[in-house]
């Protein structure tokens, strides 16, 4: 959070000057949580495109490969975060990532 909040939080305060600090923080957290499914939807779409271009036969197989790639990366990223002092890994974030990947 320290990486994004140093530029996103001041932007939120500037755009929404009448908001309270609690409202600013709530908006910051909402943006951060919406980013999860958005980023993983893009990842899954790119993986789907790569699998199609690689010549994988069958749309269901292509979709399964793309979903597996996105979910694998989501799980590994949260596992990595759980082993760092500044971050925490959360299974709910993996679920948000999976929702975005499935939507794509």
PDB file of N, CA and C in Angstrom:
ATOM      1  N   UNK A   1       0.819  -1.191   0.000  1.00  0.00           N
ATOM      2  CA  UNK A   1       0.000   0.000   0.000  1.00  0.00           C
ATOM      3  C   UNK A   1       0.864   1.257   0.000  1.00  0.00           C
ATOM      4  N   UNK A   2       2.031   1.173   0.626  1.00  0.00           N
ATOM      5  CA  UNK A   2       2.886   2.351   0.688  1.00  0.00           C
ATOM      6  C   UNK A   2       3.361   2.778  -0.700  1.00  0.00           C
ATOM      7  N   UNK A   3       3.410   1.835  -1.641  1.00  0.00           N
ATOM      8  CA  UNK A   3       3.862   2.166  -2.990  1.00  0.00           C
ATOM      9  C   UNK A   3       2.821   2.967  -3.764  1.00  0.00           C
ATOM     10  N   UNK A   4       1.557   2.606  -3.631  1.00  0.00           N
ATOM     11  CA  UNK A   4       0.522   3.307  -4.394  1.00  0.00           C
ATOM     12  C   UNK A   4      -0.065   4.488  -3.644  1.00  0.00           C
ATOM     13  N   UNK A   5      -0.105   4.422  -2.327  1.00  0.00           N
ATOM     14  CA  UNK A   5      -0.778   5.482  -1.578  1.00  0.00           C
ATOM     15  C   UNK A   5       0.004   6.791  -1.589  1.00  0.00           C
ATOM     16  N   UNK A   6       1.294   6.744  -1.861  1.00  0.00           N
ATOM     17  CA  UNK A   6       2.053   8.000  -1.853  1.00  0.00           C
ATOM     18  C   UNK A   6       1.703   8.903  -3.037  1.00  0.00           C
ATOM     19  N   UNK A   7       1.195   8.350  -4.135  1.00  0.00           N
ATOM     20  CA  UNK A   7       0.761   9.217  -5.235  1.00  0.00           C
ATOM     21  C   UNK A   7      -0.748   9.176  -5.435  1.00  0.00           C
ATOM     22  N   UNK A   8      -1.394   8.056  -5.114  1.00  0.00           N
ATOM     23  CA  UNK A   8      -2.834   7.952  -5.328  1.00  0.00           C
ATOM     24  C   UNK A   8      -3.623   8.710  -4.251  1.00  0.00           C
ATOM     25  N   UNK A   9      -3.178   8.620  -3.005  1.00  0.00           N
ATOM     26  CA  UNK A   9      -3.891   9.300  -1.919  1.00  0.00           C
ATOM     27  C   UNK A   9      -3.897  10.819  -2.101  1.00  0.00           C
ATOM     28  N   UNK A  10      -2.758  11.456  -2.426  1.00  0.00           N
ATOM     29  CA  UNK A  10      -2.822  12.903  -2.686  1.00  0.00           C
ATOM     30  C   UNK A  10      -3.714  13.267  -3.873  1.00  0.00           C
ATOM     31  N   UNK A  11      -3.733  12.406  -4.890  1.00  0.00           N
ATOM     32  CA  UNK A  11      -4.606  12.656  -6.028  1.00  0.00           C
ATOM     33  C   UNK A  11      -6.072  12.596  -5.607  1.00  0.00           C
ATOM     34  N   UNK A  12      -6.413  11.613  -4.795  1.00  0.00           N
ATOM     35  CA  UNK A  12      -7.790  11.502  -4.294  1.00  0.00           C
ATOM     36  C   UNK A  12      -8.147  12.735  -3.476  1.00  0.00           C
ATOM     37  N   UNK A  13      -7.246  13.164  -2.598  1.00  0.00           N
ATOM     38  CA  UNK A  13      -7.517  14.358  -1.772  1.00  0.00           C
ATOM     39  C   UNK A  13      -7.698  15.593  -2.642  1.00  0.00           C
ATOM     40  N   UNK A  14      -6.920  15.696  -3.716  1.00  0.00           N
ATOM     41  CA  UNK A  14      -7.019  16.854  -4.606  1.00  0.00           C
ATOM     42  C   UNK A  14      -8.328  16.834  -5.394  1.00  0.00           C
ATOM     43  N   UNK A  15      -8.682  15.645  -5.909  1.00  0.00           N
ATOM     44  CA  UNK A  15      -9.918  15.530  -6.698  1.00  0.00           C
ATOM     45  C   UNK A  15     -11.172  15.650  -5.849  1.00  0.00           C
ATOM     46  N   UNK A  16     -11.087  15.193  -4.600  1.00  0.00           N
ATOM     47  CA  UNK A  16     -12.252  15.173  -3.713  1.00  0.00           C
ATOM     48  C   UNK A  16     -11.897  15.923  -2.431  1.00  0.00           C
ATOM     49  N   UNK A  17     -11.710  17.224  -2.571  1.00  0.00           N
ATOM     50  CA  UNK A  17     -11.257  18.056  -1.452  1.00  0.00           C
ATOM     51  C   UNK A  17     -12.263  18.099  -0.303  1.00  0.00           C
ATOM     52  N   UNK A  18     -13.529  17.931  -0.597  1.00  0.00           N
ATOM     53  CA  UNK A  18     -14.546  18.017   0.461  1.00  0.00           C
ATOM     54  C   UNK A  18     -14.694  16.724   1.256  1.00  0.00           C
ATOM     55  N   UNK A  19     -14.053  15.663   0.802  1.00  0.00           N
ATOM     56  CA  UNK A  19     -14.169  14.391   1.503  1.00  0.00           C
ATOM     57  C   UNK A  19     -13.356  14.367   2.787  1.00  0.00           C
ATOM     58  N   UNK A  20     -13.785  13.546   3.713  1.00  0.00           N
ATOM     59  CA  UNK A  20     -13.052  13.391   4.977  1.00  0.00           C
ATOM     60  C   UNK A  20     -11.877  12.432   4.773  1.00  0.00           C
ATOM     61  N   UNK A  21     -10.906  12.450   5.679  1.00  0.00           N
ATOM     62  CA  UNK A  21      -9.799  11.494   5.575  1.00  0.00           C
ATOM     63  C   UNK A  21     -10.276  10.036   5.543  1.00  0.00           C
ATOM     64  N   UNK A  22     -11.317   9.728   6.277  1.00  0.00           N
ATOM     65  CA  UNK A  22     -11.857   8.365   6.271  1.00  0.00           C
ATOM     66  C   UNK A  22     -12.454   8.022   4.906  1.00  0.00           C
ATOM     67  N   UNK A  23     -13.144   8.965   4.294  1.00  0.00           N
ATOM     68  CA  UNK A  23     -13.708   8.741   2.964  1.00  0.00           C
ATOM     69  C   UNK A  23     -12.598   8.609   1.922  1.00  0.00           C
ATOM     70  N   UNK A  24     -11.565   9.423   2.044  1.00  0.00           N
ATOM     71  CA  UNK A  24     -10.425   9.324   1.134  1.00  0.00           C
ATOM     72  C   UNK A  24      -9.777   7.947   1.240  1.00  0.00           C
ATOM     73  N   UNK A  25      -9.585   7.487   2.470  1.00  0.00           N
ATOM     74  CA  UNK A  25      -8.968   6.180   2.676  1.00  0.00           C
ATOM     75  C   UNK A  25      -9.854   5.063   2.135  1.00  0.00           C
ATOM     76  N   UNK A  26     -11.163   5.163   2.344  1.00  0.00           N
ATOM     77  CA  UNK A  26     -12.092   4.147   1.842  1.00  0.00           C
ATOM     78  C   UNK A  26     -12.049   4.089   0.309  1.00  0.00           C
ATOM     79  N   UNK A  27     -11.974   5.241  -0.330  1.00  0.00           N
ATOM     80  CA  UNK A  27     -11.884   5.273  -1.792  1.00  0.00           C
ATOM     81  C   UNK A  27     -10.558   4.673  -2.264  1.00  0.00           C
ATOM     82  N   UNK A  28      -9.484   4.986  -1.564  1.00  0.00           N
ATOM     83  CA  UNK A  28      -8.182   4.410  -1.895  1.00  0.00           C
ATOM     84  C   UNK A  28      -8.236   2.885  -1.825  1.00  0.00           C
ATOM     85  N   UNK A  29      -8.820   2.350  -0.782  1.00  0.00           N
ATOM     86  CA  UNK A  29      -8.917   0.898  -0.624  1.00  0.00           C
ATOM     87  C   UNK A  29      -9.825   0.288  -1.694  1.00  0.00           C
ATOM     88  N   UNK A  30     -10.903   0.973  -2.038  1.00  0.00           N
ATOM     89  CA  UNK A  30     -11.799   0.470  -3.086  1.00  0.00           C
ATOM     90  C   UNK A  30     -11.077   0.417  -4.432  1.00  0.00           C
ATOM     91  N   UNK A  31     -10.308   1.445  -4.738  1.00  0.00           N
ATOM     92  CA  UNK A  31      -9.548   1.456  -5.993  1.00  0.00           C
ATOM     93  C   UNK A  31      -8.553   0.308  -6.008  1.00  0.00           C
ATOM     94  N   UNK A  32      -7.878   0.089  -4.887  1.00  0.00           N
ATOM     95  CA  UNK A  32      -6.895  -0.986  -4.811  1.00  0.00           C
ATOM     96  C   UNK A  32      -7.559  -2.354  -5.006  1.00  0.00           C
ATOM     97  N   UNK A  33      -8.747  -2.552  -4.463  1.00  0.00           N
ATOM     98  CA  UNK A  33      -9.429  -3.840  -4.612  1.00  0.00           C
ATOM     99  C   UNK A  33     -10.008  -4.024  -6.009  1.00  0.00           C
ATOM    100  N   UNK A  34     -10.446  -2.961  -6.646  1.00  0.00           N
ATOM    101  CA  UNK A  34     -10.953  -3.050  -8.018  1.00  0.00           C
ATOM    102  C   UNK A  34      -9.806  -3.348  -8.985  1.00  0.00           C
ATOM    103  N   UNK A  35      -8.611  -2.935  -8.623  1.00  0.00           N
ATOM    104  CA  UNK A  35      -7.451  -3.187  -9.484  1.00  0.00           C
ATOM    105  C   UNK A  35      -7.179  -4.684  -9.630  1.00  0.00           C
ATOM    106  N   UNK A  36      -7.447  -5.467  -8.588  1.00  0.00           N
ATOM    107  CA  UNK A  36      -7.176  -6.913  -8.656  1.00  0.00           C
ATOM    108  C   UNK A  36      -7.896  -7.580  -9.827  1.00  0.00           C
ATOM    109  N   UNK A  37      -9.224  -7.548  -9.886  1.00  0.00           N
ATOM    110  CA  UNK A  37      -9.880  -8.234 -11.005  1.00  0.00           C
ATOM    111  C   UNK A  37      -9.559  -7.592 -12.357  1.00  0.00           C
ATOM    112  N   UNK A  38      -9.329  -6.296 -12.376  1.00  0.00           N
ATOM    113  CA  UNK A  38      -9.012  -5.627 -13.635  1.00  0.00           C
ATOM    114  C   UNK A  38      -7.696  -6.119 -14.212  1.00  0.00           C
ATOM    115  N   UNK A  39      -6.672  -6.152 -13.384  1.00  0.00           N
ATOM    116  CA  UNK A  39      -5.346  -6.580 -13.847  1.00  0.00           C
ATOM    117  C   UNK A  39      -5.374  -8.041 -14.281  1.00  0.00           C
ATOM    118  N   UNK A  40      -6.051  -8.884 -13.524  1.00  0.00           N
ATOM    119  CA  UNK A  40      -6.070 -10.299 -13.870  1.00  0.00           C
ATOM    120  C   UNK A  40      -6.998 -10.607 -15.042  1.00  0.00           C
ATOM    121  N   UNK A  41      -7.970  -9.748 -15.302  1.00  0.00           N
ATOM    122  CA  UNK A  41      -8.767  -9.892 -16.522  1.00  0.00           C
ATOM    123  C   UNK A  41      -7.892  -9.615 -17.743  1.00  0.00           C
ATOM    124  N   UNK A  42      -7.068  -8.593 -17.651  1.00  0.00           N
ATOM    125  CA  UNK A  42      -6.149  -8.284 -18.752  1.00  0.00           C
ATOM    126  C   UNK A  42      -5.153  -9.432 -18.938  1.00  0.00           C
ATOM    127  N   UNK A  43      -4.613  -9.937 -17.828  1.00  0.00           N
ATOM    128  CA  UNK A  43      -3.663 -11.047 -17.907  1.00  0.00           C
ATOM    129  C   UNK A  43      -4.298 -12.269 -18.569  1.00  0.00           C
ATOM    130  N   UNK A  44      -5.509 -12.617 -18.153  1.00  0.00           N
ATOM    131  CA  UNK A  44      -6.184 -13.782 -18.732  1.00  0.00           C
ATOM    132  C   UNK A  44      -6.480 -13.569 -20.215  1.00  0.00           C
ATOM    133  N   UNK A  45      -6.869 -12.366 -20.587  1.00  0.00           N
ATOM    134  CA  UNK A  45      -7.139 -12.079 -22.002  1.00  0.00           C
ATOM    135  C   UNK A  45      -5.866 -12.204 -22.831  1.00  0.00           C
ATOM    136  N   UNK A  46      -4.759 -11.721 -22.296  1.00  0.00           N
ATOM    137  CA  UNK A  46      -3.491 -11.841 -23.011  1.00  0.00           C
ATOM    138  C   UNK A  46      -3.036 -13.302 -23.099  1.00  0.00           C
ATOM    139  N   UNK A  47      -3.243 -14.060 -22.017  1.00  0.00           N
ATOM    140  CA  UNK A  47      -2.891 -15.484 -22.033  1.00  0.00           C
ATOM    141  C   UNK A  47      -3.769 -16.240 -23.026  1.00  0.00           C
ATOM    142  N   UNK A  48      -5.035 -15.879 -23.100  1.00  0.00           N
ATOM    143  CA  UNK A  48      -5.944 -16.490 -24.067  1.00  0.00           C
ATOM    144  C   UNK A  48      -5.471 -16.206 -25.492  1.00  0.00           C
ATOM    145  N   UNK A  49      -5.106 -14.976 -25.734  1.00  0.00           N
ATOM    146  CA  UNK A  49      -4.613 -14.597 -27.067  1.00  0.00           C
ATOM    147  C   UNK A  49      -3.326 -15.351 -27.414  1.00  0.00           C
ATOM    148  N   UNK A  50      -2.445 -15.470 -26.437  1.00  0.00           N
ATOM    149  CA  UNK A  50      -1.190 -16.188 -26.679  1.00  0.00           C
ATOM    150  C   UNK A  50      -1.448 -17.660 -26.977  1.00  0.00           C
ATOM    151  N   UNK A  51      -2.376 -18.271 -26.238  1.00  0.00           N
ATOM    152  CA  UNK A  51      -2.686 -19.680 -26.476  1.00  0.00           C
ATOM    153  C   UNK A  51      -3.322 -19.877 -27.848  1.00  0.00           C
ATOM    154  N   UNK A  52      -4.179 -18.954 -28.253  1.00  0.00           N
ATOM    155  CA  UNK A  52      -4.778 -19.035 -29.590  1.00  0.00           C
ATOM    156  C   UNK A  52      -3.720 -18.920 -30.676  1.00  0.00           C
ATOM    157  N   UNK A  53      -2.807 -17.980 -30.502  1.00  0.00           N
ATOM    158  CA  UNK A  53      -1.746 -17.785 -31.499  1.00  0.00           C
ATOM    159  C   UNK A  53      -0.758 -18.937 -31.516  1.00  0.00           C
ATOM    160  N   UNK A  54      -0.634 -19.645 -30.389  1.00  0.00           N
ATOM    161  CA  UNK A  54       0.285 -20.782 -30.325  1.00  0.00           C
ATOM    162  C   UNK A  54      -0.296 -22.000 -31.029  1.00  0.00           C
ATOM    163  N   UNK A  55      -1.565 -21.926 -31.395  1.00  0.00           N
ATOM    164  CA  UNK A  55      -2.176 -23.017 -32.135  1.00  0.00           C
ATOM    165  C   UNK A  55      -2.836 -24.070 -31.268  1.00  0.00           C
ATOM    166  N   UNK A  56      -3.149 -23.744 -30.027  1.00  0.00           N
ATOM    167  CA  UNK A  56      -3.848 -24.694 -29.166  1.00  0.00           C
ATOM    168  C   UNK A  56      -5.240 -24.924 -29.739  1.00  0.00           C
ATOM    169  N   UNK A  57      -5.622 -26.191 -29.864  1.00  0.00           N
ATOM    170  CA  UNK A  57      -6.909 -26.539 -30.474  1.00  0.00           C
ATOM    171  C   UNK A  57      -8.012 -26.542 -29.419  1.00  0.00           C
ATOM    172  N   UNK A  58      -9.152 -26.024 -29.771  1.00  0.00           N
ATOM    173  CA  UNK A  58     -10.324 -26.051 -28.912  1.00  0.00           C
ATOM    174  C   UNK A  58     -10.420 -24.834 -28.022  1.00  0.00           C
ATOM    175  N   UNK A  59     -11.542 -24.137 -28.110  1.00  0.00           N
ATOM    176  CA  UNK A  59     -11.740 -22.927 -27.328  1.00  0.00           C
ATOM    177  C   UNK A  59     -11.769 -23.216 -25.831  1.00  0.00           C
ATOM    178  N   UNK A  60     -12.373 -24.323 -25.429  1.00  0.00           N
ATOM    179  CA  UNK A  60     -12.421 -24.666 -24.006  1.00  0.00           C
ATOM    180  C   UNK A  60     -11.013 -24.910 -23.468  1.00  0.00           C
ATOM    181  N   UNK A  61     -10.181 -25.568 -24.246  1.00  0.00           N
ATOM    182  CA  UNK A  61      -8.800 -25.821 -23.824  1.00  0.00           C
ATOM    183  C   UNK A  61      -8.015 -24.508 -23.734  1.00  0.00           C
ATOM    184  N   UNK A  62      -8.210 -23.636 -24.694  1.00  0.00           N
ATOM    185  CA  UNK A  62      -7.535 -22.330 -24.684  1.00  0.00           C
ATOM    186  C   UNK A  62      -7.950 -21.535 -23.444  1.00  0.00           C
ATOM    187  N   UNK A  63      -9.252 -21.526 -23.158  1.00  0.00           N
ATOM    188  CA  UNK A  63      -9.749 -20.801 -21.992  1.00  0.00           C
ATOM    189  C   UNK A  63      -9.213 -21.407 -20.699  1.00  0.00           C
ATOM    190  N   UNK A  64      -9.142 -22.721 -20.622  1.00  0.00           N
ATOM    191  CA  UNK A  64      -8.618 -23.381 -19.426  1.00  0.00           C
ATOM    192  C   UNK A  64      -7.143 -23.049 -19.215  1.00  0.00           C
ATOM    193  N   UNK A  65      -6.384 -23.009 -20.290  1.00  0.00           N
ATOM    194  CA  UNK A  65      -4.961 -22.652 -20.186  1.00  0.00           C
ATOM    195  C   UNK A  65      -4.810 -21.215 -19.706  1.00  0.00           C
ATOM    196  N   UNK A  66      -5.578 -20.314 -20.290  1.00  0.00           N
ATOM    197  CA  UNK A  66      -5.500 -18.902 -19.890  1.00  0.00           C
ATOM    198  C   UNK A  66      -5.882 -18.727 -18.426  1.00  0.00           C
ATOM    199  N   UNK A  67      -6.936 -19.415 -17.994  1.00  0.00           N
ATOM    200  CA  UNK A  67      -7.367 -19.327 -16.604  1.00  0.00           C
ATOM    201  C   UNK A  67      -6.322 -19.923 -15.665  1.00  0.00           C
ATOM    202  N   UNK A  68      -5.732 -21.037 -16.055  1.00  0.00           N
ATOM    203  CA  UNK A  68      -4.697 -21.663 -15.233  1.00  0.00           C
ATOM    204  C   UNK A  68      -3.483 -20.755 -15.080  1.00  0.00           C
ATOM    205  N   UNK A  69      -3.101 -20.098 -16.153  1.00  0.00           N
ATOM    206  CA  UNK A  69      -1.968 -19.170 -16.091  1.00  0.00           C
ATOM    207  C   UNK A  69      -2.277 -18.020 -15.133  1.00  0.00           C
ATOM    208  N   UNK A  70      -3.438 -17.413 -15.298  1.00  0.00           N
ATOM    209  CA  UNK A  70      -3.808 -16.271 -14.449  1.00  0.00           C
ATOM    210  C   UNK A  70      -3.911 -16.677 -12.986  1.00  0.00           C
ATOM    211  N   UNK A  71      -4.563 -17.806 -12.706  1.00  0.00           N
ATOM    212  CA  UNK A  71      -4.709 -18.246 -11.317  1.00  0.00           C
ATOM    213  C   UNK A  71      -3.387 -18.686 -10.718  1.00  0.00           C
ATOM    214  N   UNK A  72      -2.532 -19.306 -11.529  1.00  0.00           N
ATOM    215  CA  UNK A  72      -1.213 -19.690 -11.045  1.00  0.00           C
ATOM    216  C   UNK A  72      -0.395 -18.481 -10.636  1.00  0.00           C
ATOM    217  N   UNK A  73      -0.420 -17.455 -11.467  1.00  0.00           N
ATOM    218  CA  UNK A  73       0.320 -16.242 -11.147  1.00  0.00           C
ATOM    219  C   UNK A  73      -0.290 -15.545  -9.932  1.00  0.00           C
ATOM    220  N   UNK A  74      -1.613 -15.521  -9.830  1.00  0.00           N
ATOM    221  CA  UNK A  74      -2.272 -14.900  -8.674  1.00  0.00           C
ATOM    222  C   UNK A  74      -1.869 -15.614  -7.381  1.00  0.00           C
ATOM    223  N   UNK A  75      -1.910 -16.926  -7.401  1.00  0.00           N
ATOM    224  CA  UNK A  75      -1.542 -17.689  -6.204  1.00  0.00           C
ATOM    225  C   UNK A  75      -0.086 -17.509  -5.831  1.00  0.00           C
ATOM    226  N   UNK A  76       0.790 -17.549  -6.828  1.00  0.00           N
ATOM    227  CA  UNK A  76       2.217 -17.356  -6.551  1.00  0.00           C
ATOM    228  C   UNK A  76       2.508 -15.950  -6.045  1.00  0.00           C
ATOM    229  N   UNK A  77       1.820 -14.966  -6.579  1.00  0.00           N
ATOM    230  CA  UNK A  77       2.041 -13.593  -6.125  1.00  0.00           C
ATOM    231  C   UNK A  77       1.605 -13.419  -4.669  1.00  0.00           C
ATOM    232  N   UNK A  78       0.462 -13.967  -4.318  1.00  0.00           N
ATOM    233  CA  UNK A  78       0.017 -13.861  -2.922  1.00  0.00           C
ATOM    234  C   UNK A  78       0.922 -14.661  -1.987  1.00  0.00           C
ATOM    235  N   UNK A  79       1.418 -15.795  -2.445  1.00  0.00           N
ATOM    236  CA  UNK A  79       2.371 -16.570  -1.649  1.00  0.00           C
ATOM    237  C   UNK A  79       3.647 -15.763  -1.426  1.00  0.00           C
ATOM    238  N   UNK A  80       4.132 -15.122  -2.461  1.00  0.00           N
ATOM    239  CA  UNK A  80       5.316 -14.268  -2.338  1.00  0.00           C
ATOM    240  C   UNK A  80       5.071 -13.127  -1.358  1.00  0.00           C
ATOM    241  N   UNK A  81       3.899 -12.519  -1.450  1.00  0.00           N
ATOM    242  CA  UNK A  81       3.576 -11.412  -0.549  1.00  0.00           C
ATOM    243  C   UNK A  81       3.511 -11.864   0.903  1.00  0.00           C
ATOM    244  N   UNK A  82       3.087 -13.098   1.134  1.00  0.00           N
ATOM    245  CA  UNK A  82       2.986 -13.577   2.519  1.00  0.00           C
ATOM    246  C   UNK A  82       4.354 -13.807   3.150  1.00  0.00           C
ATOM    247  N   UNK A  83       5.410 -13.827   2.333  1.00  0.00           N
ATOM    248  CA  UNK A  83       6.762 -14.034   2.848  1.00  0.00           C
ATOM    249  C   UNK A  83       7.576 -12.748   2.924  1.00  0.00           C
ATOM    250  N   UNK A  84       6.939 -11.598   2.729  1.00  0.00           N
ATOM    251  CA  UNK A  84       7.633 -10.327   2.854  1.00  0.00           C
ATOM    252  C   UNK A  84       7.086  -9.573   4.046  1.00  0.00           C
ATOM    253  N   UNK A  85       7.944  -8.779   4.666  1.00  0.00           N
ATOM    254  CA  UNK A  85       7.534  -8.053   5.875  1.00  0.00           C
ATOM    255  C   UNK A  85       6.549  -6.928   5.569  1.00  0.00           C
ATOM    256  N   UNK A  86       6.679  -6.302   4.417  1.00  0.00           N
ATOM    257  CA  UNK A  86       5.853  -5.141   4.095  1.00  0.00           C
ATOM    258  C   UNK A  86       4.499  -5.499   3.497  1.00  0.00           C
ATOM    259  N   UNK A  87       4.286  -6.751   3.124  1.00  0.00           N
ATOM    260  CA  UNK A  87       3.052  -7.145   2.453  1.00  0.00           C
ATOM    261  C   UNK A  87       2.402  -8.307   3.187  1.00  0.00           C
ATOM    262  N   UNK A  88       1.150  -8.544   2.886  1.00  0.00           N
ATOM    263  CA  UNK A  88       0.450  -9.721   3.403  1.00  0.00           C
ATOM    264  C   UNK A  88      -0.248 -10.412   2.243  1.00  0.00           C
ATOM    265  N   UNK A  89      -0.188 -11.713   2.224  1.00  0.00           N
ATOM    266  CA  UNK A  89      -0.911 -12.480   1.218  1.00  0.00           C
ATOM    267  C   UNK A  89      -2.318 -12.757   1.710  1.00  0.00           C
ATOM    268  N   UNK A  90      -3.285 -12.699   0.817  1.00  0.00           N
ATOM    269  CA  UNK A  90      -4.675 -12.913   1.217  1.00  0.00           C
ATOM    270  C   UNK A  90      -5.379 -13.785   0.188  1.00  0.00           C
ATOM    271  N   UNK A  91      -6.068 -14.799   0.678  1.00  0.00           N
ATOM    272  CA  UNK A  91      -6.823 -15.661  -0.230  1.00  0.00           C
ATOM    273  C   UNK A  91      -7.976 -14.898  -0.886  1.00  0.00           C
ATOM    274  N   UNK A  92      -8.480 -13.867  -0.203  1.00  0.00           N
ATOM    275  CA  UNK A  92      -9.552 -13.072  -0.809  1.00  0.00           C
ATOM    276  C   UNK A  92      -9.051 -12.328  -2.048  1.00  0.00           C
ATOM    277  N   UNK A  93      -7.785 -11.934  -2.032  1.00  0.00           N
ATOM    278  CA  UNK A  93      -7.232 -11.285  -3.218  1.00  0.00           C
ATOM    279  C   UNK A  93      -7.131 -12.267  -4.379  1.00  0.00           C
ATOM    280  N   UNK A  94      -6.803 -13.518  -4.090  1.00  0.00           N
ATOM    281  CA  UNK A  94      -6.765 -14.535  -5.140  1.00  0.00           C
ATOM    282  C   UNK A  94      -8.170 -14.736  -5.716  1.00  0.00           C
ATOM    283  N   UNK A  95      -9.182 -14.695  -4.852  1.00  0.00           N
ATOM    284  CA  UNK A  95     -10.562 -14.833  -5.331  1.00  0.00           C
ATOM    285  C   UNK A  95     -10.953 -13.650  -6.218  1.00  0.00           C
ATOM    286  N   UNK A  96     -10.528 -12.434  -5.849  1.00  0.00           N
ATOM    287  CA  UNK A  96     -10.784 -11.267  -6.694  1.00  0.00           C
ATOM    288  C   UNK A  96     -10.076 -11.416  -8.035  1.00  0.00           C
ATOM    289  N   UNK A  97      -8.832 -11.896  -7.985  1.00  0.00           N
ATOM    290  CA  UNK A  97      -8.071 -12.130  -9.218  1.00  0.00           C
ATOM    291  C   UNK A  97      -8.772 -13.164 -10.090  1.00  0.00           C
ATOM    292  N   UNK A  98      -9.263 -14.227  -9.465  1.00  0.00           N
ATOM    293  CA  UNK A  98      -9.952 -15.291 -10.206  1.00  0.00           C
ATOM    294  C   UNK A  98     -11.235 -14.768 -10.854  1.00  0.00           C
ATOM    295  N   UNK A  99     -11.950 -13.899 -10.143  1.00  0.00           N
ATOM    296  CA  UNK A  99     -13.171 -13.328 -10.714  1.00  0.00           C
ATOM    297  C   UNK A  99     -12.861 -12.513 -11.963  1.00  0.00           C
ATOM    298  N   UNK A 100     -11.794 -11.741 -11.904  1.00  0.00           N
ATOM    299  CA  UNK A 100     -11.399 -10.970 -13.076  1.00  0.00           C
ATOM    300  C   UNK A 100     -10.972 -11.859 -14.224  1.00  0.00           C
ATOM    301  N   UNK A 101     -10.187 -12.893 -13.912  1.00  0.00           N
ATOM    302  CA  UNK A 101      -9.725 -13.816 -14.957  1.00  0.00           C
ATOM    303  C   UNK A 101     -10.889 -14.551 -15.599  1.00  0.00           C
ATOM    304  N   UNK A 102     -11.846 -14.981 -14.786  1.00  0.00           N
ATOM    305  CA  UNK A 102     -13.026 -15.672 -15.316  1.00  0.00           C
ATOM    306  C   UNK A 102     -13.885 -14.736 -16.177  1.00  0.00           C
ATOM    307  N   UNK A 103     -13.980 -13.500 -15.771  1.00  0.00           N
ATOM    308  CA  UNK A 103     -14.771 -12.545 -16.539  1.00  0.00           C
ATOM    309  C   UNK A 103     -14.171 -12.313 -17.928  1.00  0.00           C
ATOM    310  N   UNK A 104     -12.854 -12.327 -17.991  1.00  0.00           N
ATOM    311  CA  UNK A 104     -12.203 -12.127 -19.294  1.00  0.00           C
ATOM    312  C   UNK A 104     -12.473 -13.318 -20.180  1.00  0.00           C
TER     313      UNK A 104
END
